[in-house]
PDB file of N, CA and C in Angstrom:
ATOM      1  N   MET A   1       0.814  -1.228  -0.141  1.00  0.00           N
ATOM      2  CA  MET A   1       0.008   0.069   0.001  1.00  0.00           C
ATOM      3  C   MET A   1       0.823   1.219   0.024  1.00  0.00           C
ATOM      4  N   ALA A   2       0.377   2.253  -0.948  1.00  0.00           N
ATOM      5  CA  ALA A   2       1.162   3.555  -0.942  1.00  0.00           C
ATOM      6  C   ALA A   2       1.041   4.297   0.423  1.00  0.00           C
ATOM      7  N   SER A   3       2.008   5.079   0.696  1.00  0.00           N
ATOM      8  CA  SER A   3       2.004   5.741   1.927  1.00  0.00           C
ATOM      9  C   SER A   3       1.225   7.093   1.940  1.00  0.00           C
ATOM     10  N   ILE A   4       0.795   7.673   2.988  1.00  0.00           N
ATOM     11  CA  ILE A   4       0.176   9.031   3.048  1.00  0.00           C
ATOM     12  C   ILE A   4       1.376  10.175   3.137  1.00  0.00           C
ATOM     13  N   GLU A   5       1.435  10.780   2.147  1.00  0.00           N
ATOM     14  CA  GLU A   5       2.708  11.931   2.189  1.00  0.00           C
ATOM     15  C   GLU A   5       2.063  12.896   1.181  1.00  0.00           C
ATOM     16  N   ILE A   6       2.811  14.160   1.508  1.00  0.00           N
ATOM     17  CA  ILE A   6       2.543  15.251   0.620  1.00  0.00           C
ATOM     18  C   ILE A   6       2.927  14.953  -0.845  1.00  0.00           C
ATOM     19  N   GLY A   7       1.932  15.314  -1.886  1.00  0.00           N
ATOM     20  CA  GLY A   7       2.323  15.036  -3.137  1.00  0.00           C
ATOM     21  C   GLY A   7       1.606  13.704  -3.783  1.00  0.00           C
ATOM     22  N   ARG A   8       1.168  12.808  -2.709  1.00  0.00           N
ATOM     23  CA  ARG A   8       0.611  11.545  -3.154  1.00  0.00           C
ATOM     24  C   ARG A   8      -0.717  11.716  -3.818  1.00  0.00           C
ATOM     25  N   VAL A   9      -0.954  11.106  -5.021  1.00  0.00           N
ATOM     26  CA  VAL A   9      -2.140  11.112  -5.706  1.00  0.00           C
ATOM     27  C   VAL A   9      -3.122  10.014  -5.023  1.00  0.00           C
ATOM     28  N   CYS A  10      -4.391  10.366  -4.723  1.00  0.00           N
ATOM     29  CA  CYS A  10      -5.264   9.492  -4.045  1.00  0.00           C
ATOM     30  C   CYS A  10      -6.548   9.504  -4.831  1.00  0.00           C
ATOM     31  N   VAL A  11      -7.419   8.527  -4.549  1.00  0.00           N
ATOM     32  CA  VAL A  11      -8.801   8.578  -5.068  1.00  0.00           C
ATOM     33  C   VAL A  11      -9.738   8.531  -3.753  1.00  0.00           C
ATOM     34  N   LYS A  12     -10.426   9.574  -3.753  1.00  0.00           N
ATOM     35  CA  LYS A  12     -11.563   9.648  -2.605  1.00  0.00           C
ATOM     36  C   LYS A  12     -12.545   8.405  -2.733  1.00  0.00           C
ATOM     37  N   THR A  13     -12.893   7.768  -1.545  1.00  0.00           N
ATOM     38  CA  THR A  13     -13.693   6.615  -1.467  1.00  0.00           C
ATOM     39  C   THR A  13     -15.111   6.956  -0.880  1.00  0.00           C
ATOM     40  N   ALA A  14     -15.273   8.173  -0.174  1.00  0.00           N
ATOM     41  CA  ALA A  14     -16.574   8.433   0.402  1.00  0.00           C
ATOM     42  C   ALA A  14     -17.015   9.871   0.196  1.00  0.00           C
ATOM     43  N   GLY A  15     -18.077  10.188   0.253  1.00  0.00           N
ATOM     44  CA  GLY A  15     -18.798  11.431   0.170  1.00  0.00           C
ATOM     45  C   GLY A  15     -19.142  11.672  -1.405  1.00  0.00           C
ATOM     46  N   ARG A  16     -19.604  12.943  -1.689  1.00  0.00           N
ATOM     47  CA  ARG A  16     -20.151  13.269  -2.936  1.00  0.00           C
ATOM     48  C   ARG A  16     -18.848  13.228  -4.046  1.00  0.00           C
ATOM     49  N   GLU A  17     -17.724  13.361  -3.637  1.00  0.00           N
ATOM     50  CA  GLU A  17     -16.598  13.378  -4.518  1.00  0.00           C
ATOM     51  C   GLU A  17     -15.893  12.026  -4.560  1.00  0.00           C
ATOM     52  N   ALA A  18     -16.537  10.814  -4.243  1.00  0.00           N
ATOM     53  CA  ALA A  18     -16.064   9.607  -4.240  1.00  0.00           C
ATOM     54  C   ALA A  18     -15.797   9.359  -5.671  1.00  0.00           C
ATOM     55  N   GLY A  19     -14.591   8.617  -5.947  1.00  0.00           N
ATOM     56  CA  GLY A  19     -14.281   8.187  -7.271  1.00  0.00           C
ATOM     57  C   GLY A  19     -13.345   9.225  -7.784  1.00  0.00           C
ATOM     58  N   LYS A  20     -13.081  10.376  -7.349  1.00  0.00           N
ATOM     59  CA  LYS A  20     -12.502  11.528  -7.933  1.00  0.00           C
ATOM     60  C   LYS A  20     -11.030  11.458  -7.413  1.00  0.00           C
ATOM     61  N   LYS A  21     -10.076  11.879  -8.272  1.00  0.00           N
ATOM     62  CA  LYS A  21      -8.643  11.954  -7.913  1.00  0.00           C
ATOM     63  C   LYS A  21      -8.281  13.080  -7.220  1.00  0.00           C
ATOM     64  N   CYS A  22      -7.284  13.173  -6.186  1.00  0.00           N
ATOM     65  CA  CYS A  22      -6.914  14.286  -5.518  1.00  0.00           C
ATOM     66  C   CYS A  22      -5.491  14.223  -5.229  1.00  0.00           C
ATOM     67  N   VAL A  23      -4.827  15.291  -4.776  1.00  0.00           N
ATOM     68  CA  VAL A  23      -3.491  15.374  -4.279  1.00  0.00           C
ATOM     69  C   VAL A  23      -3.481  15.754  -2.779  1.00  0.00           C
ATOM     70  N   ILE A  24      -2.498  15.158  -2.125  1.00  0.00           N
ATOM     71  CA  ILE A  24      -2.243  15.620  -0.824  1.00  0.00           C
ATOM     72  C   ILE A  24      -1.495  16.723  -0.740  1.00  0.00           C
ATOM     73  N   LEU A  25      -1.975  17.821  -0.175  1.00  0.00           N
ATOM     74  CA  LEU A  25      -1.173  19.195   0.101  1.00  0.00           C
ATOM     75  C   LEU A  25      -0.396  19.192   1.330  1.00  0.00           C
ATOM     76  N   ASP A  26      -1.064  18.719   2.261  1.00  0.00           N
ATOM     77  CA  ASP A  26      -0.589  18.841   3.748  1.00  0.00           C
ATOM     78  C   ASP A  26      -1.097  17.642   4.638  1.00  0.00           C
ATOM     79  N   VAL A  27      -0.308  17.323   5.506  1.00  0.00           N
ATOM     80  CA  VAL A  27      -0.671  16.305   6.542  1.00  0.00           C
ATOM     81  C   VAL A  27      -1.106  17.178   7.807  1.00  0.00           C
ATOM     82  N   VAL A  28      -2.378  17.012   8.061  1.00  0.00           N
ATOM     83  CA  VAL A  28      -2.711  17.973   9.278  1.00  0.00           C
ATOM     84  C   VAL A  28      -2.418  17.218  10.471  1.00  0.00           C
ATOM     85  N   ASP A  29      -2.813  15.971  10.689  1.00  0.00           N
ATOM     86  CA  ASP A  29      -2.525  15.107  11.849  1.00  0.00           C
ATOM     87  C   ASP A  29      -2.517  13.668  11.422  1.00  0.00           C
ATOM     88  N   LYS A  30      -2.591  12.908  12.356  1.00  0.00           N
ATOM     89  CA  LYS A  30      -2.577  11.266  11.899  1.00  0.00           C
ATOM     90  C   LYS A  30      -3.758  10.826  11.475  1.00  0.00           C
ATOM     91  N   SER A  31      -4.947  11.691  11.448  1.00  0.00           N
ATOM     92  CA  SER A  31      -6.211  11.220  10.906  1.00  0.00           C
ATOM     93  C   SER A  31      -6.703  11.945   9.763  1.00  0.00           C
ATOM     94  N   PHE A  32      -6.091  13.189   9.497  1.00  0.00           N
ATOM     95  CA  PHE A  32      -6.515  14.076   8.479  1.00  0.00           C
ATOM     96  C   PHE A  32      -5.579  14.821   7.526  1.00  0.00           C
ATOM     97  N   VAL A  33      -5.874  15.080   6.244  1.00  0.00           N
ATOM     98  CA  VAL A  33      -4.760  15.685   5.420  1.00  0.00           C
ATOM     99  C   VAL A  33      -5.669  16.698   4.617  1.00  0.00           C
ATOM    100  N   GLU A  34      -4.991  17.643   4.054  1.00  0.00           N
ATOM    101  CA  GLU A  34      -5.626  18.528   3.120  1.00  0.00           C
ATOM    102  C   GLU A  34      -5.305  18.137   1.751  1.00  0.00           C
ATOM    103  N   VAL A  35      -6.517  18.026   0.860  1.00  0.00           N
ATOM    104  CA  VAL A  35      -6.499  17.534  -0.501  1.00  0.00           C
ATOM    105  C   VAL A  35      -7.105  18.765  -1.358  1.00  0.00           C
ATOM    106  N   VAL A  36      -6.656  18.584  -2.753  1.00  0.00           N
ATOM    107  CA  VAL A  36      -7.058  19.336  -3.706  1.00  0.00           C
ATOM    108  C   VAL A  36      -7.180  18.498  -5.033  1.00  0.00           C
ATOM    109  N   GLY A  37      -8.112  18.667  -5.943  1.00  0.00           N
ATOM    110  CA  GLY A  37      -8.224  18.066  -6.977  1.00  0.00           C
ATOM    111  C   GLY A  37      -8.971  18.813  -8.214  1.00  0.00           C
ATOM    112  N   THR A  38      -8.949  18.385  -9.481  1.00  0.00           N
ATOM    113  CA  THR A  38      -9.716  19.119 -10.445  1.00  0.00           C
ATOM    114  C   THR A  38     -11.096  18.951 -10.211  1.00  0.00           C
ATOM    115  N   SER A  39     -11.760  17.960  -9.608  1.00  0.00           N
ATOM    116  CA  SER A  39     -13.112  17.860  -9.258  1.00  0.00           C
ATOM    117  C   SER A  39     -13.265  17.821  -7.810  1.00  0.00           C
ATOM    118  N   VAL A  40     -12.241  18.115  -6.970  1.00  0.00           N
ATOM    119  CA  VAL A  40     -12.335  17.884  -5.482  1.00  0.00           C
ATOM    120  C   VAL A  40     -11.918  19.300  -4.946  1.00  0.00           C
ATOM    121  N   LYS A  41     -12.667  19.897  -4.055  1.00  0.00           N
ATOM    122  CA  LYS A  41     -12.429  21.122  -3.498  1.00  0.00           C
ATOM    123  C   LYS A  41     -11.378  20.988  -2.409  1.00  0.00           C
ATOM    124  N   ASN A  42     -10.579  22.173  -2.284  1.00  0.00           N
ATOM    125  CA  ASN A  42      -9.437  22.277  -1.391  1.00  0.00           C
ATOM    126  C   ASN A  42     -10.065  22.240   0.059  1.00  0.00           C
ATOM    127  N   ARG A  43      -9.794  21.073   0.647  1.00  0.00           N
ATOM    128  CA  ARG A  43     -10.388  20.926   1.940  1.00  0.00           C
ATOM    129  C   ARG A  43      -9.663  19.762   2.720  1.00  0.00           C
ATOM    130  N   ARG A  44     -10.014  19.774   4.066  1.00  0.00           N
ATOM    131  CA  ARG A  44      -9.525  18.704   4.947  1.00  0.00           C
ATOM    132  C   ARG A  44     -10.206  17.441   4.769  1.00  0.00           C
ATOM    133  N   CYS A  45      -9.521  16.302   4.691  1.00  0.00           N
ATOM    134  CA  CYS A  45     -10.291  14.967   4.385  1.00  0.00           C
ATOM    135  C   CYS A  45      -9.533  13.917   5.303  1.00  0.00           C
ATOM    136  N   ASN A  46     -10.508  13.000   5.806  1.00  0.00           N
ATOM    137  CA  ASN A  46     -10.156  11.744   6.654  1.00  0.00           C
ATOM    138  C   ASN A  46      -9.380  11.005   5.871  1.00  0.00           C
ATOM    139  N   ILE A  47      -8.256  10.373   6.197  1.00  0.00           N
ATOM    140  CA  ILE A  47      -7.331   9.541   5.469  1.00  0.00           C
ATOM    141  C   ILE A  47      -8.063   8.264   5.273  1.00  0.00           C
ATOM    142  N   ASN A  48      -9.050   7.853   6.174  1.00  0.00           N
ATOM    143  CA  ASN A  48      -9.907   6.551   5.920  1.00  0.00           C
ATOM    144  C   ASN A  48     -10.730   6.789   4.665  1.00  0.00           C
ATOM    145  N   HIS A  49     -10.905   8.050   4.160  1.00  0.00           N
ATOM    146  CA  HIS A  49     -11.899   8.161   2.974  1.00  0.00           C
ATOM    147  C   HIS A  49     -10.930   8.395   1.681  1.00  0.00           C
ATOM    148  N   LEU A  50      -9.554   8.023   1.632  1.00  0.00           N
ATOM    149  CA  LEU A  50      -8.719   8.149   0.650  1.00  0.00           C
ATOM    150  C   LEU A  50      -8.146   6.628   0.274  1.00  0.00           C
ATOM    151  N   GLU A  51      -8.008   6.469  -1.003  1.00  0.00           N
ATOM    152  CA  GLU A  51      -7.296   5.330  -1.453  1.00  0.00           C
ATOM    153  C   GLU A  51      -6.055   5.749  -2.195  1.00  0.00           C
ATOM    154  N   PRO A  52      -4.875   5.817  -1.557  1.00  0.00           N
ATOM    155  CA  PRO A  52      -3.591   6.168  -2.271  1.00  0.00           C
ATOM    156  C   PRO A  52      -3.212   5.452  -3.359  1.00  0.00           C
ATOM    157  N   THR A  53      -2.668   6.107  -4.332  1.00  0.00           N
ATOM    158  CA  THR A  53      -2.286   5.428  -5.554  1.00  0.00           C
ATOM    159  C   THR A  53      -0.559   5.352  -5.454  1.00  0.00           C
ATOM    160  N   HIS A  54       0.097   4.746  -6.357  1.00  0.00           N
ATOM    161  CA  HIS A  54       1.530   4.648  -6.338  1.00  0.00           C
ATOM    162  C   HIS A  54       2.015   6.032  -6.993  1.00  0.00           C
ATOM    163  N   LYS A  55       1.315   6.850  -7.445  1.00  0.00           N
ATOM    164  CA  LYS A  55       1.785   8.128  -8.165  1.00  0.00           C
ATOM    165  C   LYS A  55       2.087   9.285  -7.141  1.00  0.00           C
ATOM    166  N   THR A  56       3.017  10.126  -7.550  1.00  0.00           N
ATOM    167  CA  THR A  56       3.139  11.293  -6.839  1.00  0.00           C
ATOM    168  C   THR A  56       3.308  12.472  -7.696  1.00  0.00           C
ATOM    169  N   LEU A  57       2.961  13.680  -7.144  1.00  0.00           N
ATOM    170  CA  LEU A  57       3.254  14.840  -7.884  1.00  0.00           C
ATOM    171  C   LEU A  57       4.156  15.869  -7.054  1.00  0.00           C
ATOM    172  N   GLU A  58       4.655  16.822  -7.849  1.00  0.00           N
ATOM    173  CA  GLU A  58       5.449  17.937  -7.303  1.00  0.00           C
ATOM    174  C   GLU A  58       4.314  18.954  -6.616  1.00  0.00           C
ATOM    175  N   VAL A  59       4.229  19.289  -5.362  1.00  0.00           N
ATOM    176  CA  VAL A  59       3.279  20.091  -4.914  1.00  0.00           C
ATOM    177  C   VAL A  59       3.953  21.443  -4.923  1.00  0.00           C
ATOM    178  N   SER A  60       3.246  22.502  -5.532  1.00  0.00           N
ATOM    179  CA  SER A  60       3.703  23.983  -5.318  1.00  0.00           C
ATOM    180  C   SER A  60       2.588  24.906  -4.561  1.00  0.00           C
ATOM    181  N   ASP A  61       2.912  26.017  -4.318  1.00  0.00           N
ATOM    182  CA  ASP A  61       2.046  26.895  -3.805  1.00  0.00           C
ATOM    183  C   ASP A  61       0.740  27.312  -4.609  1.00  0.00           C
ATOM    184  N   ASP A  62       1.042  27.265  -6.022  1.00  0.00           N
ATOM    185  CA  ASP A  62       0.086  27.505  -6.839  1.00  0.00           C
ATOM    186  C   ASP A  62      -0.896  26.191  -7.057  1.00  0.00           C
ATOM    187  N   LEU A  63      -2.090  26.449  -6.487  1.00  0.00           N
ATOM    188  CA  LEU A  63      -3.039  25.275  -6.716  1.00  0.00           C
ATOM    189  C   LEU A  63      -3.469  24.935  -8.219  1.00  0.00           C
ATOM    190  N   GLU A  64      -3.431  25.861  -8.858  1.00  0.00           N
ATOM    191  CA  GLU A  64      -3.805  25.665 -10.353  1.00  0.00           C
ATOM    192  C   GLU A  64      -2.770  24.870 -10.984  1.00  0.00           C
ATOM    193  N   ILE A  65      -1.555  25.031 -10.754  1.00  0.00           N
ATOM    194  CA  ILE A  65      -0.391  24.306 -11.286  1.00  0.00           C
ATOM    195  C   ILE A  65      -0.632  22.774 -10.959  1.00  0.00           C
ATOM    196  N   VAL A  66      -0.897  22.554  -9.530  1.00  0.00           N
ATOM    197  CA  VAL A  66      -1.177  21.232  -8.966  1.00  0.00           C
ATOM    198  C   VAL A  66      -2.481  20.676  -9.934  1.00  0.00           C
ATOM    199  N   LYS A  67      -3.430  21.266 -10.041  1.00  0.00           N
ATOM    200  CA  LYS A  67      -4.645  20.857 -10.744  1.00  0.00           C
ATOM    201  C   LYS A  67      -4.233  20.459 -12.150  1.00  0.00           C
ATOM    202  N   ARG A  68      -3.617  21.142 -12.922  1.00  0.00           N
ATOM    203  CA  ARG A  68      -3.259  20.902 -14.261  1.00  0.00           C
ATOM    204  C   ARG A  68      -2.427  19.780 -14.346  1.00  0.00           C
ATOM    205  N   SER A  69      -1.386  19.607 -13.532  1.00  0.00           N
ATOM    206  CA  SER A  69      -0.544  18.329 -13.558  1.00  0.00           C
ATOM    207  C   SER A  69      -1.195  17.138 -13.194  1.00  0.00           C
ATOM    208  N   LEU A  70      -2.326  17.215 -12.440  1.00  0.00           N
ATOM    209  CA  LEU A  70      -3.230  16.073 -12.054  1.00  0.00           C
ATOM    210  C   LEU A  70      -4.082  15.609 -13.136  1.00  0.00           C
ATOM    211  N   GLU A  71      -4.514  16.530 -14.053  1.00  0.00           N
ATOM    212  CA  GLU A  71      -5.233  16.347 -15.178  1.00  0.00           C
ATOM    213  C   GLU A  71      -4.335  15.372 -16.151  1.00  0.00           C
ATOM    214  N   THR A  72      -3.066  15.691 -16.080  1.00  0.00           N
ATOM    215  CA  THR A  72      -2.193  14.804 -17.218  1.00  0.00           C
ATOM    216  C   THR A  72      -2.098  13.336 -16.740  1.00  0.00           C
ATOM    217  N   LEU A  73      -2.306  13.030 -15.595  1.00  0.00           N
ATOM    218  CA  LEU A  73      -2.282  11.570 -15.106  1.00  0.00           C
ATOM    219  C   LEU A  73      -3.259  10.679 -15.710  1.00  0.00           C
TER     220      LEU A  73
END
């Protein structure tokens, strides 16, 4: 299983955004991370609601760059 780390591409498994890809921007604590994606709002998410993939992205301060690089995957 892939680890929970900054830049890890994940798929949401719960909620209205289930099935959508997102990228981890920040690890808040042992249960929560901050995520963003093309179809996922920038918000805090429980790690139990994420399925990490083996792909990672370079995370920058500009969220639009992160979203565009996620689209190319």
